[in-house]
Amino acid sequence: KAKNYRNNGNGNGIGLNNLVRLKRSHAKAAGEMLARAFQDHPLFAYFVPNAYKDRGNHLIFEALLRYNVSYGEVYATSPNLEGVAGWLPSKKAKITPWRIIRAMDQSSYSIILK
């Protein structure tokens, strides 16, 4: 059993065993949360034009999450998605066009083709 990595003083810390493994169906909500969290980050602001941010900056994070769910693991701190982290095994770390296409869903195609 995983040990707590944070203790709130009464022994009821948030443990690794409390993490929620995300599925493809969580990608949109988690992508929106990450977009809100990083919208003012200097690197994100530099690389993502304002016009794209207005159109749907969550799509970048949603695509990354779909890729990670398809080829690795993605976990959230709870079903409320306060925090999200993804891992890829070294054999799948190289992001190829074919893997990106396979990780996308039909709604992603319609957004790209607009």
Protein backbone atom coordinates (compact mmCIF):
# COMPACT_ATOMS: atom_id res chain seq x y z
CA LYS A 1 0.00 0.00 0.00
CA ALA A 2 1.30 3.45 -0.94
CA LYS A 3 2.31 5.77 1.87
CA ASN A 4 0.85 9.23 2.20
CA TYR A 5 2.86 11.91 0.48
CA ARG A 6 1.15 14.71 2.36
CA ASN A 7 -0.20 14.62 5.86
CA ASN A 8 -2.76 17.16 7.01
CA GLY A 9 -1.89 16.71 10.68
CA ASN A 10 -4.43 14.05 11.61
CA GLY A 11 -2.96 11.19 9.63
CA ASN A 12 -5.46 11.54 6.76
CA GLY A 13 -3.07 12.69 4.08
CA ILE A 14 -3.67 12.33 0.37
CA GLY A 15 -2.14 8.99 -0.58
CA LEU A 16 -1.07 7.66 -3.92
CA ASN A 17 -3.62 4.91 -3.47
CA ASN A 18 -6.38 7.56 -3.68
CA LEU A 19 -5.53 8.63 -7.22
CA VAL A 20 -8.11 8.18 -9.97
CA ARG A 21 -6.94 6.68 -13.26
CA LEU A 22 -8.43 8.64 -16.12
CA LYS A 23 -9.99 7.24 -19.28
CA ARG A 24 -10.46 8.78 -22.71
CA SER A 25 -13.89 10.00 -21.60
CA HIS A 26 -12.21 12.28 -19.04
CA ALA A 27 -9.96 14.02 -21.60
CA LYS A 28 -12.29 16.94 -22.35
CA ALA A 29 -12.95 17.90 -18.72
CA ALA A 30 -9.31 17.39 -17.71
CA GLY A 31 -8.14 19.35 -20.79
CA GLU A 32 -10.38 22.26 -19.85
CA MET A 33 -9.02 22.22 -16.29
CA LEU A 34 -5.41 22.20 -17.52
CA ALA A 35 -6.15 25.00 -20.00
CA ARG A 36 -7.49 27.18 -17.17
CA ALA A 37 -4.50 26.31 -14.99
CA PHE A 38 -1.91 27.18 -17.66
CA GLN A 39 -3.63 30.02 -19.54
CA ASP A 40 -1.42 32.69 -17.92
CA HIS A 41 1.79 30.64 -17.82
CA PRO A 42 4.51 32.59 -19.69
CA LEU A 43 5.53 29.69 -21.98
CA PHE A 44 1.94 28.87 -22.87
CA ALA A 45 1.18 32.55 -23.51
CA TYR A 46 4.25 32.81 -25.76
CA PHE A 47 3.65 29.72 -27.88
CA VAL A 48 -0.15 29.80 -28.18
CA PRO A 49 -1.60 32.83 -30.01
CA ASN A 50 -4.49 34.68 -28.39
CA ALA A 51 -6.79 33.83 -31.30
CA TYR A 52 -6.28 30.12 -30.69
CA LYS A 53 -6.76 30.52 -26.95
CA ASP A 54 -10.16 32.06 -27.59
CA ARG A 55 -11.09 29.23 -29.95
CA GLY A 56 -10.21 26.42 -27.63
CA ASN A 57 -6.82 26.20 -25.96
CA HIS A 58 -8.16 23.18 -24.09
CA LEU A 59 -7.73 21.20 -27.32
CA ILE A 60 -3.94 21.15 -26.87
CA PHE A 61 -4.25 19.62 -23.42
CA GLU A 62 -7.09 17.35 -24.49
CA ALA A 63 -4.92 15.94 -27.29
CA LEU A 64 -2.00 15.38 -24.91
CA LEU A 65 -4.27 13.65 -22.43
CA ARG A 66 -5.79 11.40 -25.10
CA TYR A 67 -2.29 10.44 -26.21
CA ASN A 68 -1.20 9.70 -22.65
CA VAL A 69 -4.33 7.69 -21.91
CA SER A 70 -3.82 5.68 -25.12
CA TYR A 71 -0.11 4.99 -24.68
CA GLY A 72 0.60 5.54 -21.00
CA GLU A 73 -1.21 6.40 -17.79
CA VAL A 74 -3.04 9.50 -16.60
CA TYR A 75 -4.14 10.06 -13.01
CA ALA A 76 -6.11 12.75 -11.20
CA THR A 77 -6.05 13.64 -7.53
CA SER A 78 -9.79 12.93 -7.33
CA PRO A 79 -12.86 12.66 -9.57
CA ASN A 80 -13.05 16.48 -9.29
CA LEU A 81 -9.84 16.76 -11.37
CA GLU A 82 -8.03 19.25 -9.14
CA GLY A 83 -4.72 18.00 -10.51
CA VAL A 84 -3.73 15.73 -13.38
CA ALA A 85 -0.49 13.96 -14.24
CA GLY A 86 0.39 11.66 -17.12
CA TRP A 87 3.22 9.24 -17.76
CA LEU A 88 4.42 7.55 -20.92
CA PRO A 89 6.63 4.47 -20.97
CA SER A 90 9.93 5.13 -22.73
CA LYS A 91 8.91 2.91 -25.68
CA LYS A 92 5.92 5.18 -26.34
CA ALA A 93 7.52 8.55 -25.53
CA LYS A 94 8.18 9.35 -29.18
CA ILE A 95 5.03 11.06 -30.40
CA THR A 96 4.43 10.00 -33.99
CA PRO A 97 1.73 11.26 -36.39
CA TRP A 98 0.19 7.77 -36.56
CA ARG A 99 -0.06 7.50 -32.77
CA ILE A 100 -1.62 10.96 -32.59
CA ILE A 101 -4.26 9.98 -35.15
CA ARG A 102 -5.01 6.74 -33.28
CA ALA A 103 -5.33 8.60 -29.98
CA MET A 104 -7.83 11.15 -31.30
CA ASP A 105 -11.58 10.68 -31.33
CA GLN A 106 -14.09 11.71 -33.99
CA SER A 107 -14.91 15.05 -32.34
CA SER A 108 -11.21 15.98 -32.57
CA TYR A 109 -11.25 15.39 -36.33
CA SER A 110 -14.22 17.70 -36.83
CA ILE A 111 -12.49 20.50 -34.90
CA ILE A 112 -9.28 20.17 -36.91
CA LEU A 113 -11.10 20.12 -40.26
CA LYS A 114 -13.08 23.33 -39.56
